[in-house]
């Protein structure tokens, strides 16, 4: 269950990238991308590309966070096992 969010984020990023490449008349965009990057406000294709970059960054960030959580949980489990073995 821990890896659901990163997998979902990469799937969404892939779908948005595919959709934006397949349709030149309309683009799926990250909310407020025109406010974040005002120089792109006149170019919807560039805003669509920037949206994919933002989503990809979020997917990578969630993967790094999940990987760090996985490592921490594994270290806690190993520490607990060593403590239990030391008590016996």
N, C-alpha and C. Protein backbone atom coordinates (compact mmCIF):
# COMPACT_ATOMS: atom_id res chain seq x y z
N UNK A 1 0.82 -1.19 0.00
CA UNK A 1 0.00 0.00 0.00
C UNK A 1 0.87 1.25 0.00
N UNK A 2 2.07 1.14 0.54
CA UNK A 2 2.98 2.27 0.65
C UNK A 2 3.37 2.82 -0.73
N UNK A 3 3.47 1.95 -1.72
CA UNK A 3 3.92 2.36 -3.04
C UNK A 3 2.78 2.76 -3.97
N UNK A 4 1.56 2.77 -3.47
CA UNK A 4 0.42 3.10 -4.32
C UNK A 4 0.50 4.53 -4.86
N UNK A 5 0.78 5.50 -4.00
CA UNK A 5 0.82 6.90 -4.43
C UNK A 5 1.90 7.15 -5.49
N UNK A 6 3.15 6.70 -5.32
CA UNK A 6 4.13 6.93 -6.39
C UNK A 6 3.75 6.27 -7.70
N UNK A 7 3.23 5.05 -7.63
CA UNK A 7 2.82 4.37 -8.87
C UNK A 7 1.69 5.13 -9.54
N UNK A 8 0.74 5.58 -8.75
CA UNK A 8 -0.38 6.36 -9.28
C UNK A 8 0.10 7.67 -9.90
N UNK A 9 1.04 8.34 -9.24
CA UNK A 9 1.57 9.61 -9.77
C UNK A 9 2.29 9.40 -11.10
N UNK A 10 3.08 8.33 -11.22
CA UNK A 10 3.75 8.06 -12.49
C UNK A 10 2.74 7.70 -13.58
N UNK A 11 1.69 6.97 -13.22
CA UNK A 11 0.66 6.63 -14.20
C UNK A 11 -0.07 7.89 -14.67
N UNK A 12 -0.40 8.78 -13.76
CA UNK A 12 -1.07 10.03 -14.13
C UNK A 12 -0.16 10.87 -15.01
N UNK A 13 1.12 10.94 -14.65
CA UNK A 13 2.07 11.71 -15.45
C UNK A 13 2.17 11.14 -16.86
N UNK A 14 2.24 9.84 -16.97
CA UNK A 14 2.30 9.21 -18.29
C UNK A 14 1.05 9.48 -19.11
N UNK A 15 -0.10 9.39 -18.46
CA UNK A 15 -1.34 9.65 -19.19
C UNK A 15 -1.43 11.09 -19.66
N UNK A 16 -1.07 12.03 -18.78
CA UNK A 16 -1.12 13.46 -19.17
C UNK A 16 -0.15 13.73 -20.30
N UNK A 17 1.06 13.16 -20.24
CA UNK A 17 2.03 13.35 -21.32
C UNK A 17 1.50 12.78 -22.63
N UNK A 18 0.92 11.59 -22.58
CA UNK A 18 0.35 10.99 -23.80
C UNK A 18 -0.79 11.84 -24.34
N UNK A 19 -1.70 12.26 -23.47
CA UNK A 19 -2.86 13.04 -23.89
C UNK A 19 -2.43 14.36 -24.52
N UNK A 20 -1.49 15.05 -23.87
CA UNK A 20 -1.06 16.33 -24.40
C UNK A 20 -0.34 16.19 -25.74
N UNK A 21 0.40 15.09 -25.93
CA UNK A 21 1.05 14.86 -27.23
C UNK A 21 0.05 14.48 -28.31
N UNK A 22 -1.00 13.78 -27.93
CA UNK A 22 -1.97 13.30 -28.92
C UNK A 22 -2.97 14.37 -29.34
N UNK A 23 -3.17 15.40 -28.52
CA UNK A 23 -4.16 16.43 -28.82
C UNK A 23 -3.48 17.79 -28.86
N UNK A 24 -3.48 18.41 -30.04
CA UNK A 24 -2.87 19.73 -30.15
C UNK A 24 -3.89 20.84 -29.90
N UNK A 25 -5.18 20.51 -29.96
CA UNK A 25 -6.19 21.56 -29.78
C UNK A 25 -6.58 21.76 -28.32
N UNK A 26 -6.23 20.83 -27.43
CA UNK A 26 -6.52 21.00 -26.00
C UNK A 26 -5.45 20.27 -25.19
N UNK A 27 -5.18 20.80 -24.00
CA UNK A 27 -4.12 20.28 -23.15
C UNK A 27 -4.65 20.10 -21.74
N UNK A 28 -4.15 19.07 -21.06
CA UNK A 28 -4.42 18.89 -19.64
C UNK A 28 -3.31 19.64 -18.92
N UNK A 29 -3.71 20.53 -18.00
CA UNK A 29 -2.72 21.37 -17.34
C UNK A 29 -2.83 21.27 -15.82
N UNK A 30 -1.70 21.42 -15.17
CA UNK A 30 -1.64 21.49 -13.72
C UNK A 30 -2.33 22.79 -13.29
N UNK A 31 -3.11 22.76 -12.21
CA UNK A 31 -3.80 23.98 -11.80
C UNK A 31 -2.83 25.14 -11.53
N UNK A 32 -3.20 26.29 -11.97
CA UNK A 32 -2.46 27.54 -11.75
C UNK A 32 -1.09 27.56 -12.40
N UNK A 33 -0.86 26.74 -13.43
CA UNK A 33 0.43 26.77 -14.11
C UNK A 33 0.63 28.11 -14.81
N UNK A 34 -0.44 28.76 -15.23
CA UNK A 34 -0.32 30.07 -15.86
C UNK A 34 0.06 31.15 -14.86
N UNK A 35 -0.30 30.96 -13.59
CA UNK A 35 0.08 31.91 -12.54
C UNK A 35 1.54 31.68 -12.13
N UNK A 36 1.94 30.41 -12.05
CA UNK A 36 3.30 30.07 -11.66
C UNK A 36 4.32 30.48 -12.72
N UNK A 37 3.93 30.36 -13.99
CA UNK A 37 4.81 30.68 -15.11
C UNK A 37 4.08 31.62 -16.07
N UNK A 38 4.02 32.91 -15.76
CA UNK A 38 3.24 33.85 -16.58
C UNK A 38 3.75 33.97 -18.01
N UNK A 39 5.03 33.67 -18.24
CA UNK A 39 5.57 33.77 -19.60
C UNK A 39 4.98 32.71 -20.53
N UNK A 40 4.36 31.67 -19.97
CA UNK A 40 3.76 30.60 -20.78
C UNK A 40 2.26 30.80 -21.01
N UNK A 41 1.69 31.86 -20.46
CA UNK A 41 0.24 32.04 -20.49
C UNK A 41 -0.34 32.04 -21.90
N UNK A 42 0.43 32.47 -22.88
CA UNK A 42 -0.08 32.54 -24.25
C UNK A 42 0.12 31.25 -25.03
N UNK A 43 0.86 30.30 -24.48
CA UNK A 43 1.18 29.07 -25.21
C UNK A 43 0.67 27.84 -24.45
N UNK A 44 -0.52 27.34 -24.81
CA UNK A 44 -1.07 26.20 -24.08
C UNK A 44 -0.25 24.92 -24.21
N UNK A 45 0.45 24.73 -25.32
CA UNK A 45 1.28 23.52 -25.47
C UNK A 45 2.46 23.57 -24.51
N UNK A 46 3.07 24.74 -24.36
CA UNK A 46 4.18 24.88 -23.40
C UNK A 46 3.67 24.71 -21.97
N UNK A 47 2.46 25.20 -21.68
CA UNK A 47 1.89 25.01 -20.35
C UNK A 47 1.61 23.54 -20.10
N UNK A 48 1.18 22.81 -21.14
CA UNK A 48 0.96 21.37 -21.00
C UNK A 48 2.25 20.64 -20.72
N UNK A 49 3.34 21.03 -21.42
CA UNK A 49 4.65 20.42 -21.17
C UNK A 49 5.14 20.71 -19.76
N UNK A 50 4.97 21.94 -19.31
CA UNK A 50 5.39 22.31 -17.96
C UNK A 50 4.56 21.55 -16.92
N UNK A 51 3.30 21.31 -17.22
CA UNK A 51 2.45 20.55 -16.32
C UNK A 51 2.97 19.12 -16.15
N UNK A 52 3.41 18.52 -17.25
CA UNK A 52 3.97 17.18 -17.19
C UNK A 52 5.25 17.19 -16.34
N UNK A 53 6.06 18.24 -16.50
CA UNK A 53 7.28 18.34 -15.70
C UNK A 53 6.96 18.46 -14.21
N UNK A 54 5.94 19.25 -13.88
CA UNK A 54 5.54 19.39 -12.48
C UNK A 54 5.05 18.05 -11.92
N UNK A 55 4.21 17.37 -12.69
CA UNK A 55 3.70 16.07 -12.24
C UNK A 55 4.82 15.06 -12.09
N UNK A 56 5.78 15.08 -13.01
CA UNK A 56 6.92 14.17 -12.92
C UNK A 56 7.74 14.46 -11.66
N UNK A 57 7.93 15.73 -11.36
CA UNK A 57 8.65 16.11 -10.14
C UNK A 57 7.94 15.63 -8.90
N UNK A 58 6.62 15.76 -8.88
CA UNK A 58 5.84 15.25 -7.74
C UNK A 58 5.94 13.74 -7.63
N UNK A 59 5.94 13.04 -8.77
CA UNK A 59 6.05 11.59 -8.76
C UNK A 59 7.42 11.16 -8.23
N UNK A 60 8.48 11.83 -8.66
CA UNK A 60 9.82 11.50 -8.18
C UNK A 60 9.94 11.82 -6.69
N UNK A 61 9.40 12.96 -6.29
CA UNK A 61 9.44 13.32 -4.87
C UNK A 61 8.71 12.33 -4.00
N UNK A 62 7.54 11.88 -4.44
CA UNK A 62 6.79 10.90 -3.65
C UNK A 62 7.51 9.56 -3.61
N UNK A 63 8.23 9.22 -4.69
CA UNK A 63 9.00 7.98 -4.71
C UNK A 63 10.16 8.06 -3.72
N UNK A 64 10.85 9.18 -3.70
CA UNK A 64 11.97 9.35 -2.76
C UNK A 64 11.45 9.30 -1.33
N UNK A 65 10.35 9.98 -1.06
CA UNK A 65 9.78 9.97 0.28
C UNK A 65 9.37 8.55 0.69
N UNK A 66 8.73 7.82 -0.20
CA UNK A 66 8.30 6.45 0.10
C UNK A 66 9.50 5.53 0.30
N UNK A 67 10.54 5.71 -0.49
CA UNK A 67 11.75 4.91 -0.33
C UNK A 67 12.40 5.19 1.02
N UNK A 68 12.44 6.46 1.42
CA UNK A 68 13.00 6.81 2.73
C UNK A 68 12.17 6.18 3.85
N UNK A 69 10.86 6.22 3.72
CA UNK A 69 9.99 5.59 4.72
C UNK A 69 10.23 4.09 4.78
N UNK A 70 10.43 3.47 3.64
CA UNK A 70 10.69 2.03 3.58
C UNK A 70 11.99 1.69 4.31
N UNK A 71 13.03 2.49 4.07
CA UNK A 71 14.32 2.25 4.72
C UNK A 71 14.20 2.44 6.22
N UNK A 72 13.50 3.51 6.65
CA UNK A 72 13.32 3.74 8.09
C UNK A 72 12.55 2.62 8.76
N UNK A 73 11.50 2.14 8.11
CA UNK A 73 10.70 1.05 8.69
C UNK A 73 11.53 -0.22 8.79
N UNK A 74 12.35 -0.48 7.78
CA UNK A 74 13.20 -1.67 7.81
C UNK A 74 14.23 -1.56 8.94
N UNK A 75 14.79 -0.39 9.13
CA UNK A 75 15.77 -0.20 10.21
C UNK A 75 15.10 -0.38 11.57
N UNK A 76 13.88 0.12 11.73
CA UNK A 76 13.16 -0.07 13.01
C UNK A 76 12.91 -1.55 13.26
N UNK A 77 12.51 -2.28 12.22
CA UNK A 77 12.26 -3.72 12.38
C UNK A 77 13.53 -4.45 12.79
N UNK A 78 14.65 -4.14 12.13
CA UNK A 78 15.91 -4.80 12.46
C UNK A 78 16.34 -4.48 13.89
N UNK A 79 16.18 -3.22 14.30
CA UNK A 79 16.54 -2.82 15.66
C UNK A 79 15.69 -3.57 16.68
N UNK A 80 14.39 -3.66 16.41
CA UNK A 80 13.48 -4.37 17.32
C UNK A 80 13.85 -5.84 17.41
N UNK A 81 14.18 -6.48 16.30
CA UNK A 81 14.59 -7.89 16.32
C UNK A 81 15.88 -8.08 17.11
N UNK A 82 16.85 -7.18 16.95
CA UNK A 82 18.09 -7.29 17.71
C UNK A 82 17.84 -7.13 19.20
N UNK A 83 16.95 -6.21 19.57
CA UNK A 83 16.63 -6.03 20.98
C UNK A 83 15.94 -7.25 21.54
N UNK A 84 15.04 -7.87 20.78
CA UNK A 84 14.35 -9.07 21.25
C UNK A 84 15.31 -10.23 21.38
N UNK A 85 16.25 -10.37 20.47
CA UNK A 85 17.23 -11.45 20.55
C UNK A 85 18.20 -11.23 21.69
N UNK A 86 18.51 -9.98 22.01
CA UNK A 86 19.42 -9.67 23.10
C UNK A 86 18.80 -9.96 24.46
N UNK A 87 17.48 -9.89 24.56
CA UNK A 87 16.79 -10.14 25.84
C UNK A 87 16.72 -11.62 26.16
N UNK A 88 16.74 -12.47 25.18
CA UNK A 88 16.59 -13.91 25.41
C UNK A 88 17.82 -14.57 25.94
